[in-house]
Amino acid sequence: MSELFIEVAPGNEVFRVADIALKAADVRPALQIVEREFGLLEIHSRNQAEVLAAGAAVLEHLGLSERDRVKPKIASAQFVTNVSPYQAQLINKWRKGSLLIPGNSLFVLEVAPAAYVTLAANEAEKAANITLIETRAVGRFGRVFLSGTESEVKTARDASILALEQLDGKE
């Protein structure tokens, strides 16, 4: 499955972007979030060419190219080992993914623009045997929460950060 996350400002522009993407190619939406400042759209397809075609149509509509994207900026990277049961309880109260198990390690990555955390999470999951606790890809900053053994979380951390640092874009 291939997917594309499109984050736009102002938030209401996401409605027009969704219309263009869905009419341009055989893709399906899974997420559309609209905030005052930002809008986020996720589209996907089993056929990567369809996702690329939808993305190209959106870029054409906006008068942009891939080179015009905003370069991701890591705002914060926190690594916690041997998570306390109390801290796990606090995080588990609001998470939407898997449970954070006390005693595991935790990595929290904060990135702007927010949608880039999905790339970081994907690369982390491919690189290590970790648990994705939560991904928040909307707002001024996105956050991804990963857990597992200390060595696996370190591997996931390194892979996610490297993926973001390798992307080009405008500062």
Protein backbone atom coordinates (compact mmCIF):
# COMPACT_ATOMS: atom_id res chain seq x y z
CA MET A 1 0.00 0.00 0.00
CA SER A 2 1.29 3.44 -0.91
CA GLU A 3 0.10 6.55 0.84
CA LEU A 4 0.55 10.27 0.63
CA PHE A 5 0.11 12.84 3.38
CA ILE A 6 -0.65 16.36 2.23
CA GLU A 7 -0.49 19.19 4.74
CA VAL A 8 -1.63 22.65 3.67
CA ALA A 9 -2.18 26.09 5.14
CA PRO A 10 -4.66 27.57 5.64
CA GLY A 11 -6.59 24.55 6.88
CA ASN A 12 -9.63 25.04 4.64
CA GLU A 13 -7.48 24.50 1.52
CA VAL A 14 -7.57 20.78 2.38
CA PHE A 15 -11.13 20.54 0.96
CA ARG A 16 -10.01 21.67 -2.50
CA VAL A 17 -6.90 19.49 -2.32
CA ALA A 18 -9.01 16.44 -1.46
CA ASP A 19 -11.34 17.15 -4.38
CA ILE A 20 -8.42 17.35 -6.82
CA ALA A 21 -6.60 14.27 -5.51
CA LEU A 22 -9.70 12.07 -5.46
CA LYS A 23 -10.74 13.06 -8.98
CA ALA A 24 -7.25 12.79 -10.46
CA ALA A 25 -6.50 9.16 -9.65
CA ASP A 26 -7.83 5.92 -8.18
CA VAL A 27 -6.96 6.72 -4.56
CA ARG A 28 -8.93 6.52 -1.33
CA PRO A 29 -8.84 8.92 1.62
CA ALA A 30 -8.38 7.71 5.16
CA LEU A 31 -7.84 10.95 7.01
CA GLN A 32 -8.94 14.55 6.62
CA ILE A 33 -8.37 16.93 9.50
CA VAL A 34 -9.02 20.63 9.36
CA GLU A 35 -7.70 23.09 11.88
CA ARG A 36 -7.63 26.85 11.63
CA GLU A 37 -3.97 26.95 10.65
CA PHE A 38 -3.36 23.60 8.92
CA GLY A 39 -5.27 20.96 7.01
CA LEU A 40 -4.14 17.36 6.62
CA LEU A 41 -5.21 14.80 4.02
CA GLU A 42 -4.05 11.18 3.74
CA ILE A 43 -4.73 9.26 0.53
CA HIS A 44 -3.65 5.75 -0.38
CA SER A 45 -3.81 3.03 -3.02
CA ARG A 46 -2.39 -0.40 -3.65
CA ASN A 47 -0.95 1.10 -6.84
CA GLN A 48 1.89 3.53 -6.19
CA ALA A 49 1.44 5.15 -9.62
CA GLU A 50 -2.07 6.25 -8.62
CA VAL A 51 -0.79 7.92 -5.46
CA LEU A 52 1.95 9.66 -7.43
CA ALA A 53 -0.59 10.85 -10.02
CA ALA A 54 -2.85 12.28 -7.32
CA GLY A 55 0.10 14.04 -5.71
CA ALA A 56 1.20 15.47 -9.06
CA ALA A 57 -2.31 16.81 -9.69
CA VAL A 58 -2.36 18.52 -6.30
CA LEU A 59 1.08 20.06 -6.85
CA GLU A 60 -0.01 21.31 -10.28
CA HIS A 61 -3.15 22.88 -8.79
CA LEU A 62 -1.07 24.62 -6.13
CA GLY A 63 1.54 25.75 -8.67
CA LEU A 64 4.27 23.92 -6.77
CA SER A 65 6.80 21.14 -7.26
CA GLU A 66 8.23 18.62 -4.82
CA ARG A 67 11.27 20.89 -4.46
CA ASP A 68 8.98 23.51 -2.87
CA ARG A 69 8.15 21.37 0.14
CA VAL A 70 9.12 22.58 3.58
CA LYS A 71 12.18 20.79 4.93
CA PRO A 72 11.31 18.91 8.12
CA LYS A 73 12.74 20.33 11.31
CA ILE A 74 13.14 18.24 14.43
CA ALA A 75 11.90 20.31 17.35
CA SER A 76 12.55 17.73 20.06
CA ALA A 77 13.75 14.14 20.45
CA GLN A 78 13.26 12.58 23.88
CA PHE A 79 14.51 9.14 24.93
CA VAL A 80 13.36 7.59 28.22
CA THR A 81 14.61 4.22 29.47
CA ASN A 82 12.85 1.95 31.94
CA VAL A 83 9.57 3.89 31.88
CA SER A 84 7.92 4.19 35.28
CA PRO A 85 4.52 2.52 35.66
CA TYR A 86 3.11 5.93 36.60
CA GLN A 87 4.45 7.60 33.47
CA ALA A 88 3.12 4.72 31.36
CA GLN A 89 -0.28 5.23 33.00
CA LEU A 90 -0.26 8.94 32.13
CA ILE A 91 0.60 8.28 28.48
CA ASN A 92 -1.82 5.37 28.14
CA LYS A 93 -4.73 7.60 29.23
CA TRP A 94 -4.70 9.56 25.94
CA ARG A 95 -2.93 7.35 23.43
CA LYS A 96 -4.82 5.95 20.42
CA GLY A 97 -2.36 3.20 19.51
CA SER A 98 -0.80 0.39 21.50
CA LEU A 99 -0.15 0.48 25.23
CA LEU A 100 3.12 1.73 26.66
CA ILE A 101 4.38 -1.08 28.90
CA PRO A 102 6.17 -0.07 32.11
CA GLY A 103 9.87 -0.94 31.99
CA ASN A 104 10.13 -0.42 28.23
CA SER A 105 12.02 2.44 26.64
CA LEU A 106 10.15 5.35 25.07
CA PHE A 107 11.13 7.67 22.24
CA VAL A 108 9.12 10.80 21.47
CA LEU A 109 9.95 12.75 18.32
CA GLU A 110 8.46 16.17 17.61
CA VAL A 111 8.67 17.49 14.03
CA ALA A 112 7.46 20.45 11.98
CA PRO A 113 5.59 20.33 9.65
CA ALA A 114 3.50 17.79 11.52
CA ALA A 115 2.82 15.33 8.69
CA TYR A 116 6.48 14.32 8.54
CA VAL A 117 6.07 12.24 11.70
CA THR A 118 4.31 9.62 9.57
CA LEU A 119 7.49 9.17 7.52
CA ALA A 120 9.53 8.97 10.72
CA ALA A 121 7.18 6.35 12.17
CA ASN A 122 7.23 4.28 8.98
CA GLU A 123 11.03 4.25 8.85
CA ALA A 124 11.24 3.40 12.56
CA GLU A 125 8.90 0.42 12.15
CA LYS A 126 10.88 -0.87 9.17
CA ALA A 127 14.18 -0.60 11.03
CA ALA A 128 13.35 -2.13 14.40
CA ASN A 129 10.96 -4.33 16.34
CA ILE A 130 9.18 -1.54 18.19
CA THR A 131 5.64 -0.67 19.21
CA LEU A 132 4.02 2.41 17.76
CA ILE A 133 2.22 3.99 20.71
CA GLU A 134 0.82 7.01 18.89
CA THR A 135 1.31 9.25 15.89
CA ARG A 136 -0.08 12.78 15.93
CA ALA A 137 0.39 14.28 12.48
CA VAL A 138 -1.66 17.43 12.75
CA GLY A 139 -1.08 20.88 14.17
CA ARG A 140 2.01 23.05 14.24
CA PHE A 141 4.16 20.09 15.40
CA GLY A 142 3.66 16.37 14.89
CA ARG A 143 4.66 13.78 17.45
CA VAL A 144 5.39 10.09 17.28
CA PHE A 145 5.70 7.86 20.36
CA LEU A 146 7.66 4.60 20.01
CA SER A 147 8.45 1.96 22.62
CA GLY A 148 10.26 -1.32 23.04
CA THR A 149 13.59 -2.57 24.31
CA GLU A 150 16.29 0.05 24.71
CA SER A 151 18.35 -1.24 21.79
CA GLU A 152 15.36 -1.56 19.44
CA VAL A 153 14.10 1.92 20.30
CA LYS A 154 17.59 3.37 19.72
CA THR A 155 17.66 1.71 16.29
CA ALA A 156 14.17 3.06 15.51
CA ARG A 157 15.17 6.53 16.74
CA ASP A 158 18.23 6.61 14.52
CA ALA A 159 16.28 5.44 11.46
CA SER A 160 13.49 7.98 11.95
CA ILE A 161 15.87 10.88 12.45
CA LEU A 162 18.01 9.88 9.47
CA ALA A 163 14.95 9.69 7.20
CA LEU A 164 13.96 13.24 8.13
CA GLU A 165 17.47 14.65 7.86
CA GLN A 166 17.88 13.20 4.34
CA LEU A 167 14.86 15.06 2.95
CA ASP A 168 15.50 18.25 1.07
CA GLY A 169 13.21 21.23 1.01
CA LYS A 170 12.93 24.90 1.79
CA GLU A 171 13.90 26.13 5.23
